[in-house]
Amino acid sequence: MELLAVLPRGPFSWGVKRTLNDLVSKVEVSDNAIVLPQGVEAQFGVFRSVSSVLLGSKVQTGGPGGSPVYLSGWLFNTSREFSPDQRVVSGELPLRSSPYRVEISPSGAGLIELPGYRVRNGVVILYITPEYRFHFPREVLNAGDFENYAQLSLKPLENGFHGTIDMNLRRGYAEVIVGGRVVEDQVFLDEKSGDFTYRFIENPLLVISHEKTLSPQGLQKALKGFIGLSGHGDFTMRLKVGKHKDEMTFSVGLGEE
């Protein structure tokens, strides 16, 4: 399991960084548990953070007709919350399979929901379980008319899905978008037939940070620039050809479900 320490910045950072660095040096990870230093208690729960760009620069992307998106954020509006349950544990913290959600746009805005533990001084030890079961109510989407037509065929993979687009276009292009709760990701845009592979996070991750500073953009930097969608729950798949579109909701559960 890869360990990511997401450290805070600014005047709040000095004491918190020292606490985080001290904990990181003492935490041990086994196959199914996190082992804390003796005497440290933790409460299990879910950390959630949502951020949006208040001020930033826009550029036109997505080819003809593409929507402007933020590529650099100067100011974010960010909310954070750790929702605990009633269990308090100490010593060895189980790493049981739990759903998570990561949605991050190019700017770093988006949504993260990570299960894990809160320990002393607001430090959180969170984790990502890359176990997925993809369920598509349909494996084929169709969009267009008698002059411009495209078909998307989907195949679930262990950590994502593969899409094949067959089309007959006299003009325009076909577009495929995967959507989450707050972020949409364009995965295909072309005037010719083709394919794509969309992968969720593939390796188990342990994230150590502070509940008052962790954010989607902070996790993005720790993940070396991650952009896109990953996790469990409902997502949308949309195929567009000109003014025509076909859309469905698909779900992703834990691997053992």
C-alpha atoms as a PDB file:
ATOM      1  CA  MET A   1       0.000   0.000   0.000  1.00  0.00           C
ATOM      2  CA  GLU A   2       1.420   3.362  -1.064  1.00  0.00           C
ATOM      3  CA  LEU A   3       1.465   6.039   1.641  1.00  0.00           C
ATOM      4  CA  LEU A   4       0.702   9.664   0.697  1.00  0.00           C
ATOM      5  CA  ALA A   5       1.356  12.429   3.233  1.00  0.00           C
ATOM      6  CA  VAL A   6      -0.618  15.543   2.227  1.00  0.00           C
ATOM      7  CA  LEU A   7       0.960  18.366   4.217  1.00  0.00           C
ATOM      8  CA  PRO A   8      -0.718  21.749   4.832  1.00  0.00           C
ATOM      9  CA  ARG A   9       0.628  25.161   3.828  1.00  0.00           C
ATOM     10  CA  GLY A  10       0.427  28.597   5.392  1.00  0.00           C
ATOM     11  CA  PRO A  11       0.528  29.847   8.996  1.00  0.00           C
ATOM     12  CA  PHE A  12      -1.464  26.851  10.202  1.00  0.00           C
ATOM     13  CA  SER A  13       1.148  24.453   8.943  1.00  0.00           C
ATOM     14  CA  TRP A  14       4.116  24.332  11.331  1.00  0.00           C
ATOM     15  CA  GLY A  15       2.672  22.477  14.300  1.00  0.00           C
ATOM     16  CA  VAL A  16       0.477  20.298  12.102  1.00  0.00           C
ATOM     17  CA  LYS A  17       3.388  19.349   9.845  1.00  0.00           C
ATOM     18  CA  ARG A  18       5.395  18.301  12.874  1.00  0.00           C
ATOM     19  CA  THR A  19       2.509  16.142  14.147  1.00  0.00           C
ATOM     20  CA  LEU A  20       1.982  14.612  10.711  1.00  0.00           C
ATOM     21  CA  ASN A  21       5.656  13.874  10.151  1.00  0.00           C
ATOM     22  CA  ASP A  22       5.893  12.312  13.597  1.00  0.00           C
ATOM     23  CA  LEU A  23       2.904  10.068  12.926  1.00  0.00           C
ATOM     24  CA  VAL A  24       4.033   9.116   9.414  1.00  0.00           C
ATOM     25  CA  SER A  25       7.363   7.940  10.788  1.00  0.00           C
ATOM     26  CA  LYS A  26       5.633   5.702  13.348  1.00  0.00           C
ATOM     27  CA  VAL A  27       2.684   4.276  11.419  1.00  0.00           C
ATOM     28  CA  GLU A  28       3.072   0.735  10.144  1.00  0.00           C
ATOM     29  CA  VAL A  29       0.857  -0.909   7.534  1.00  0.00           C
ATOM     30  CA  SER A  30       0.226  -4.640   7.372  1.00  0.00           C
ATOM     31  CA  ASP A  31      -1.910  -6.453   4.785  1.00  0.00           C
ATOM     32  CA  ASN A  32      -5.203  -5.707   6.525  1.00  0.00           C
ATOM     33  CA  ALA A  33      -4.515  -3.105   9.211  1.00  0.00           C
ATOM     34  CA  ILE A  34      -2.793   0.137  10.187  1.00  0.00           C
ATOM     35  CA  VAL A  35      -0.694  -0.183  13.341  1.00  0.00           C
ATOM     36  CA  LEU A  36      -0.522   3.019  15.424  1.00  0.00           C
ATOM     37  CA  PRO A  37       1.978   3.925  18.121  1.00  0.00           C
ATOM     38  CA  GLN A  38       0.995   2.666  21.550  1.00  0.00           C
ATOM     39  CA  GLY A  39      -1.728   4.662  23.307  1.00  0.00           C
ATOM     40  CA  VAL A  40      -3.078   6.474  20.231  1.00  0.00           C
ATOM     41  CA  GLU A  41      -6.858   6.205  19.815  1.00  0.00           C
ATOM     42  CA  ALA A  42      -8.784   6.711  16.573  1.00  0.00           C
ATOM     43  CA  GLN A  43     -12.392   7.008  15.429  1.00  0.00           C
ATOM     44  CA  PHE A  44     -13.582   5.489  12.161  1.00  0.00           C
ATOM     45  CA  GLY A  45     -15.590   7.611   9.728  1.00  0.00           C
ATOM     46  CA  VAL A  46     -15.702   9.256   6.300  1.00  0.00           C
ATOM     47  CA  PHE A  47     -13.865  12.435   5.299  1.00  0.00           C
ATOM     48  CA  ARG A  48     -15.590  14.564   2.658  1.00  0.00           C
ATOM     49  CA  SER A  49     -14.298  17.670   0.907  1.00  0.00           C
ATOM     50  CA  VAL A  50     -15.836  19.621  -1.993  1.00  0.00           C
ATOM     51  CA  SER A  51     -14.110  22.522  -3.740  1.00  0.00           C
ATOM     52  CA  SER A  52     -15.004  24.859  -6.589  1.00  0.00           C
ATOM     53  CA  VAL A  53     -13.066  27.579  -8.395  1.00  0.00           C
ATOM     54  CA  LEU A  54     -14.048  31.103  -7.360  1.00  0.00           C
ATOM     55  CA  LEU A  55     -11.401  32.799  -9.488  1.00  0.00           C
ATOM     56  CA  GLY A  56      -9.284  31.269 -12.227  1.00  0.00           C
ATOM     57  CA  SER A  57      -8.452  31.271 -15.921  1.00  0.00           C
ATOM     58  CA  LYS A  58     -10.502  29.544 -18.601  1.00  0.00           C
ATOM     59  CA  VAL A  59      -9.467  28.130 -21.952  1.00  0.00           C
ATOM     60  CA  GLN A  60     -11.545  26.594 -24.719  1.00  0.00           C
ATOM     61  CA  THR A  61     -11.131  22.815 -24.810  1.00  0.00           C
ATOM     62  CA  GLY A  62     -12.863  19.844 -26.310  1.00  0.00           C
ATOM     63  CA  GLY A  63     -12.601  20.783 -29.974  1.00  0.00           C
ATOM     64  CA  PRO A  64     -15.482  22.361 -31.872  1.00  0.00           C
ATOM     65  CA  GLY A  65     -18.223  23.334 -29.469  1.00  0.00           C
ATOM     66  CA  GLY A  66     -16.222  22.360 -26.399  1.00  0.00           C
ATOM     67  CA  SER A  67     -17.170  24.009 -23.123  1.00  0.00           C
ATOM     68  CA  PRO A  68     -14.708  26.356 -21.391  1.00  0.00           C
ATOM     69  CA  VAL A  69     -13.121  24.706 -18.354  1.00  0.00           C
ATOM     70  CA  TYR A  70     -10.786  25.954 -15.642  1.00  0.00           C
ATOM     71  CA  LEU A  71      -7.179  24.964 -16.143  1.00  0.00           C
ATOM     72  CA  SER A  72      -5.647  27.052 -13.348  1.00  0.00           C
ATOM     73  CA  GLY A  73      -7.396  27.983 -10.144  1.00  0.00           C
ATOM     74  CA  TRP A  74      -6.360  31.058  -8.200  1.00  0.00           C
ATOM     75  CA  LEU A  75      -8.970  30.906  -5.468  1.00  0.00           C
ATOM     76  CA  PHE A  76     -11.025  27.930  -4.252  1.00  0.00           C
ATOM     77  CA  ASN A  77     -14.161  27.656  -2.168  1.00  0.00           C
ATOM     78  CA  THR A  78     -13.642  24.466  -0.140  1.00  0.00           C
ATOM     79  CA  SER A  79     -15.729  22.643   2.446  1.00  0.00           C
ATOM     80  CA  ARG A  80     -14.416  19.856   4.690  1.00  0.00           C
ATOM     81  CA  GLU A  81     -16.117  17.457   7.074  1.00  0.00           C
ATOM     82  CA  PHE A  82     -15.208  14.268   8.910  1.00  0.00           C
ATOM     83  CA  SER A  83     -18.327  12.254   9.777  1.00  0.00           C
ATOM     84  CA  PRO A  84     -17.480   9.736  12.524  1.00  0.00           C
ATOM     85  CA  ASP A  85     -19.460   6.756  13.699  1.00  0.00           C
ATOM     86  CA  GLN A  86     -19.578   5.614  17.320  1.00  0.00           C
ATOM     87  CA  ARG A  87     -16.597   3.266  17.237  1.00  0.00           C
ATOM     88  CA  VAL A  88     -13.351   4.250  18.907  1.00  0.00           C
ATOM     89  CA  VAL A  89     -10.412   1.946  18.334  1.00  0.00           C
ATOM     90  CA  SER A  90      -6.763   1.951  19.354  1.00  0.00           C
ATOM     91  CA  GLY A  91      -3.589   0.213  18.341  1.00  0.00           C
ATOM     92  CA  GLU A  92      -4.448  -1.769  15.214  1.00  0.00           C
ATOM     93  CA  LEU A  93      -6.911  -0.155  12.773  1.00  0.00           C
ATOM     94  CA  PRO A  94      -8.652  -2.557  10.352  1.00  0.00           C
ATOM     95  CA  LEU A  95      -8.375  -1.779   6.640  1.00  0.00           C
ATOM     96  CA  ARG A  96     -11.744  -3.250   5.691  1.00  0.00           C
ATOM     97  CA  SER A  97     -13.119  -2.800   2.192  1.00  0.00           C
ATOM     98  CA  SER A  98     -15.075   0.458   2.059  1.00  0.00           C
ATOM     99  CA  PRO A  99     -16.485   2.588  -0.764  1.00  0.00           C
ATOM    100  CA  TYR A 100     -14.745   5.839  -1.693  1.00  0.00           C
ATOM    101  CA  ARG A 101     -15.188   8.613  -4.253  1.00  0.00           C
ATOM    102  CA  VAL A 102     -12.675  10.845  -6.055  1.00  0.00           C
ATOM    103  CA  GLU A 103     -13.695  13.427  -8.687  1.00  0.00           C
ATOM    104  CA  ILE A 104     -11.009  15.940  -9.675  1.00  0.00           C
ATOM    105  CA  SER A 105     -11.115  18.437 -12.553  1.00  0.00           C
ATOM    106  CA  PRO A 106      -8.020  19.857 -14.327  1.00  0.00           C
ATOM    107  CA  SER A 107      -8.022  22.846 -11.945  1.00  0.00           C
ATOM    108  CA  GLY A 108      -7.961  20.652  -8.836  1.00  0.00           C
ATOM    109  CA  ALA A 109     -11.561  21.432  -7.901  1.00  0.00           C
ATOM    110  CA  GLY A 110     -13.899  18.544  -7.270  1.00  0.00           C
ATOM    111  CA  LEU A 111     -14.992  16.062  -4.627  1.00  0.00           C
ATOM    112  CA  ILE A 112     -13.313  13.482  -2.398  1.00  0.00           C
ATOM    113  CA  GLU A 113     -14.975  11.041   0.003  1.00  0.00           C
ATOM    114  CA  LEU A 114     -12.500   8.760   1.745  1.00  0.00           C
ATOM    115  CA  PRO A 115     -13.043   6.266   4.580  1.00  0.00           C
ATOM    116  CA  GLY A 116     -10.583   6.110   7.441  1.00  0.00           C
ATOM    117  CA  TYR A 117      -9.690   7.249  10.918  1.00  0.00           C
ATOM    118  CA  ARG A 118      -9.311  10.509  12.817  1.00  0.00           C
ATOM    119  CA  VAL A 119      -6.651  10.553  15.525  1.00  0.00           C
ATOM    120  CA  ARG A 120      -5.157  13.237  17.785  1.00  0.00           C
ATOM    121  CA  ASN A 121      -5.218  16.924  16.854  1.00  0.00           C
ATOM    122  CA  GLY A 122      -7.472  16.362  13.850  1.00  0.00           C
ATOM    123  CA  VAL A 123      -5.028  14.192  11.910  1.00  0.00           C
ATOM    124  CA  VAL A 124      -6.824  11.821   9.532  1.00  0.00           C
ATOM    125  CA  ILE A 125      -5.575   8.484   8.224  1.00  0.00           C
ATOM    126  CA  LEU A 126      -7.666   7.659   5.157  1.00  0.00           C
ATOM    127  CA  TYR A 127      -7.458   4.946   2.536  1.00  0.00           C
ATOM    128  CA  ILE A 128      -8.570   3.967  -0.946  1.00  0.00           C
ATOM    129  CA  THR A 129      -9.659   0.401  -1.670  1.00  0.00           C
ATOM    130  CA  PRO A 130      -9.344  -0.300  -5.436  1.00  0.00           C
ATOM    131  CA  GLU A 131     -11.975  -3.052  -5.644  1.00  0.00           C
ATOM    132  CA  TYR A 132     -14.634  -2.535  -8.300  1.00  0.00           C
ATOM    133  CA  ARG A 133     -17.600  -4.247  -9.843  1.00  0.00           C
ATOM    134  CA  PHE A 134     -18.983  -2.329 -12.834  1.00  0.00           C
ATOM    135  CA  HIS A 135     -22.650  -2.713 -13.727  1.00  0.00           C
ATOM    136  CA  PHE A 136     -23.889  -1.264 -17.016  1.00  0.00           C
ATOM    137  CA  PRO A 137     -27.679  -1.503 -17.518  1.00  0.00           C
ATOM    138  CA  ARG A 138     -26.873  -1.360 -21.243  1.00  0.00           C
ATOM    139  CA  GLU A 139     -23.605  -2.152 -22.970  1.00  0.00           C
ATOM    140  CA  VAL A 140     -24.484  -0.216 -26.150  1.00  0.00           C
ATOM    141  CA  LEU A 141     -25.429   3.469 -26.603  1.00  0.00           C
ATOM    142  CA  ASN A 142     -26.640   4.955 -29.886  1.00  0.00           C
ATOM    143  CA  ALA A 143     -26.917   8.585 -30.947  1.00  0.00           C
ATOM    144  CA  GLY A 144     -27.548  10.465 -34.186  1.00  0.00           C
ATOM    145  CA  ASP A 145     -29.853  10.397 -37.199  1.00  0.00           C
ATOM    146  CA  PHE A 146     -29.834   8.802 -40.654  1.00  0.00           C
ATOM    147  CA  GLU A 147     -26.972  11.070 -41.816  1.00  0.00           C
ATOM    148  CA  ASN A 148     -24.810  11.152 -38.687  1.00  0.00           C
ATOM    149  CA  TYR A 149     -24.761   8.107 -36.463  1.00  0.00           C
ATOM    150  CA  ALA A 150     -22.483   6.692 -33.746  1.00  0.00           C
ATOM    151  CA  GLN A 151     -22.618   3.612 -31.548  1.00  0.00           C
ATOM    152  CA  LEU A 152     -20.700   3.110 -28.282  1.00  0.00           C
ATOM    153  CA  SER A 153     -20.043  -0.448 -27.076  1.00  0.00           C
ATOM    154  CA  LEU A 154     -18.816  -0.897 -23.490  1.00  0.00           C
ATOM    155  CA  LYS A 155     -16.859  -3.685 -21.830  1.00  0.00           C
ATOM    156  CA  PRO A 156     -16.160  -3.686 -18.071  1.00  0.00           C
ATOM    157  CA  LEU A 157     -12.583  -4.313 -16.917  1.00  0.00           C
ATOM    158  CA  GLU A 158     -11.109  -5.108 -13.510  1.00  0.00           C
ATOM    159  CA  ASN A 159     -10.241  -1.461 -12.787  1.00  0.00           C
ATOM    160  CA  GLY A 160     -12.288   0.387 -15.380  1.00  0.00           C
ATOM    161  CA  PHE A 161     -13.931  -0.120 -18.745  1.00  0.00           C
ATOM    162  CA  HIS A 162     -13.203  -0.136 -22.465  1.00  0.00           C
ATOM    163  CA  GLY A 163     -15.276   1.677 -25.061  1.00  0.00           C
ATOM    164  CA  THR A 164     -15.429   1.152 -28.828  1.00  0.00           C
ATOM    165  CA  ILE A 165     -17.076   3.823 -30.989  1.00  0.00           C
ATOM    166  CA  ASP A 166     -18.301   2.940 -34.477  1.00  0.00           C
ATOM    167  CA  MET A 167     -19.695   5.791 -36.542  1.00  0.00           C
ATOM    168  CA  ASN A 168     -20.890   6.956 -39.909  1.00  0.00           C
ATOM    169  CA  LEU A 169     -20.631  10.760 -39.993  1.00  0.00           C
ATOM    170  CA  ARG A 170     -21.039  13.148 -42.883  1.00  0.00           C
ATOM    171  CA  ARG A 171     -20.211  16.079 -40.631  1.00  0.00           C
ATOM    172  CA  GLY A 172     -19.339  16.803 -37.017  1.00  0.00           C
ATOM    173  CA  TYR A 173     -17.875  14.441 -34.466  1.00  0.00           C
ATOM    174  CA  ALA A 174     -18.831  11.984 -31.722  1.00  0.00           C
ATOM    175  CA  GLU A 175     -18.188  12.748 -28.058  1.00  0.00           C
ATOM    176  CA  VAL A 176     -18.225  10.471 -24.993  1.00  0.00           C
ATOM    177  CA  ILE A 177     -18.413  11.950 -21.493  1.00  0.00           C
ATOM    178  CA  VAL A 178     -18.233  10.190 -18.132  1.00  0.00           C
ATOM    179  CA  GLY A 179     -19.928  12.191 -15.377  1.00  0.00           C
ATOM    180  CA  GLY A 180     -19.880  12.147 -11.607  1.00  0.00           C
ATOM    181  CA  ARG A 181     -21.613  14.304  -9.006  1.00  0.00           C
ATOM    182  CA  VAL A 182     -19.573  17.470  -9.635  1.00  0.00           C
ATOM    183  CA  VAL A 183     -17.037  16.632 -12.377  1.00  0.00           C
ATOM    184  CA  GLU A 184     -17.423  15.529 -15.999  1.00  0.00           C
ATOM    185  CA  ASP A 185     -14.571  13.928 -17.948  1.00  0.00           C
ATOM    186  CA  GLN A 186     -14.458  13.900 -21.748  1.00  0.00           C
ATOM    187  CA  VAL A 187     -13.002  10.508 -22.716  1.00  0.00           C
ATOM    188  CA  PHE A 188     -13.479  10.535 -26.501  1.00  0.00           C
ATOM    189  CA  LEU A 189     -13.854  13.199 -29.196  1.00  0.00           C
ATOM    190  CA  ASP A 190     -13.321  12.375 -32.851  1.00  0.00           C
ATOM    191  CA  GLU A 191     -14.888  12.349 -36.297  1.00  0.00           C
ATOM    192  CA  LYS A 192     -13.621   8.826 -36.954  1.00  0.00           C
ATOM    193  CA  SER A 193     -14.285   5.489 -35.280  1.00  0.00           C
ATOM    194  CA  GLY A 194     -11.982   4.622 -32.397  1.00  0.00           C
ATOM    195  CA  ASP A 195     -11.799   3.386 -28.850  1.00  0.00           C
ATOM    196  CA  PHE A 196     -10.686   4.335 -25.336  1.00  0.00           C
ATOM    197  CA  THR A 197      -9.884   2.733 -21.995  1.00  0.00           C
ATOM    198  CA  TYR A 198     -10.907   4.462 -18.765  1.00  0.00           C
ATOM    199  CA  ARG A 199      -9.187   3.298 -15.594  1.00  0.00           C
ATOM    200  CA  PHE A 200     -10.008   4.042 -11.982  1.00  0.00           C
ATOM    201  CA  ILE A 201      -7.298   4.202  -9.305  1.00  0.00           C
ATOM    202  CA  GLU A 202      -5.578   0.807  -9.450  1.00  0.00           C
ATOM    203  CA  ASN A 203      -3.320   0.680  -6.375  1.00  0.00           C
ATOM    204  CA  PRO A 204      -4.356   0.789  -2.689  1.00  0.00           C
ATOM    205  CA  LEU A 205      -3.467   4.138  -1.105  1.00  0.00           C
ATOM    206  CA  LEU A 206      -3.073   5.385   2.462  1.00  0.00           C
ATOM    207  CA  VAL A 207      -3.528   9.158   2.864  1.00  0.00           C
ATOM    208  CA  ILE A 208      -2.330  10.936   6.023  1.00  0.00           C
ATOM    209  CA  SER A 209      -3.322  14.586   6.367  1.00  0.00           C
ATOM    210  CA  HIS A 210      -5.320  17.006   8.542  1.00  0.00           C
ATOM    211  CA  GLU A 211      -9.098  17.387   8.501  1.00  0.00           C
ATOM    212  CA  LYS A 212      -8.853  21.203   8.249  1.00  0.00           C
ATOM    213  CA  THR A 213      -6.505  21.259   5.249  1.00  0.00           C
ATOM    214  CA  LEU A 214      -7.057  18.190   3.048  1.00  0.00           C
ATOM    215  CA  SER A 215      -8.855  19.045  -0.200  1.00  0.00           C
ATOM    216  CA  PRO A 216      -9.337  17.697  -3.745  1.00  0.00           C
ATOM    217  CA  GLN A 217      -6.509  19.894  -5.042  1.00  0.00           C
ATOM    218  CA  GLY A 218      -4.209  18.712  -2.240  1.00  0.00           C
ATOM    219  CA  LEU A 219      -4.926  15.080  -3.053  1.00  0.00           C
ATOM    220  CA  GLN A 220      -4.436  15.824  -6.749  1.00  0.00           C
ATOM    221  CA  LYS A 221      -0.901  17.062  -6.074  1.00  0.00           C
ATOM    222  CA  ALA A 222      -0.136  14.023  -3.923  1.00  0.00           C
ATOM    223  CA  LEU A 223      -1.390  11.804  -6.764  1.00  0.00           C
ATOM    224  CA  LYS A 224       0.949  13.631  -9.172  1.00  0.00           C
ATOM    225  CA  GLY A 225      -1.718  15.443 -11.145  1.00  0.00           C
ATOM    226  CA  PHE A 226      -4.638  13.003 -11.128  1.00  0.00           C
ATOM    227  CA  ILE A 227      -7.573  14.182 -13.260  1.00  0.00           C
ATOM    228  CA  GLY A 228     -10.852  12.332 -13.634  1.00  0.00           C
ATOM    229  CA  LEU A 229     -13.257  10.069 -11.782  1.00  0.00           C
ATOM    230  CA  SER A 230     -12.723   7.029  -9.592  1.00  0.00           C
ATOM    231  CA  GLY A 231     -14.549   5.196  -6.833  1.00  0.00           C
ATOM    232  CA  HIS A 232     -17.932   3.699  -6.041  1.00  0.00           C
ATOM    233  CA  GLY A 233     -21.558   4.699  -6.537  1.00  0.00           C
ATOM    234  CA  ASP A 234     -23.479   5.995  -9.560  1.00  0.00           C
ATOM    235  CA  PHE A 235     -21.919   7.609 -12.630  1.00  0.00           C
ATOM    236  CA  THR A 236     -23.293   8.715 -16.001  1.00  0.00           C
ATOM    237  CA  MET A 237     -22.178   7.783 -19.508  1.00  0.00           C
ATOM    238  CA  ARG A 238     -23.182  10.096 -22.364  1.00  0.00           C
ATOM    239  CA  LEU A 239     -22.710   9.710 -26.123  1.00  0.00           C
ATOM    240  CA  LYS A 240     -23.305  12.840 -28.236  1.00  0.00           C
ATOM    241  CA  VAL A 241     -23.499  13.366 -31.990  1.00  0.00           C
ATOM    242  CA  GLY A 242     -24.409  16.941 -32.834  1.00  0.00           C
ATOM    243  CA  LYS A 243     -27.701  17.719 -31.072  1.00  0.00           C
ATOM    244  CA  HIS A 244     -28.432  14.033 -30.488  1.00  0.00           C
ATOM    245  CA  LYS A 245     -27.401  12.142 -27.371  1.00  0.00           C
ATOM    246  CA  ASP A 246     -27.896   8.873 -25.517  1.00  0.00           C
ATOM    247  CA  GLU A 247     -27.214   8.725 -21.783  1.00  0.00           C
ATOM    248  CA  MET A 248     -27.393   6.171 -19.008  1.00  0.00           C
ATOM    249  CA  THR A 249     -26.497   5.804 -15.348  1.00  0.00           C
ATOM    250  CA  PHE A 250     -24.141   2.987 -14.384  1.00  0.00           C
ATOM    251  CA  SER A 251     -23.021   1.859 -10.961  1.00  0.00           C
ATOM    252  CA  VAL A 252     -19.780   0.698  -9.400  1.00  0.00           C
ATOM    253  CA  GLY A 253     -19.792  -1.478  -6.293  1.00  0.00           C
ATOM    254  CA  LEU A 254     -17.109  -3.111  -4.198  1.00  0.00           C
ATOM    255  CA  GLY A 255     -15.455  -6.151  -5.701  1.00  0.00           C
ATOM    256  CA  GLU A 256     -16.985  -8.673  -3.313  1.00  0.00           C
ATOM    257  CA  GLU A 257     -20.573  -7.425  -3.685  1.00  0.00           C
END
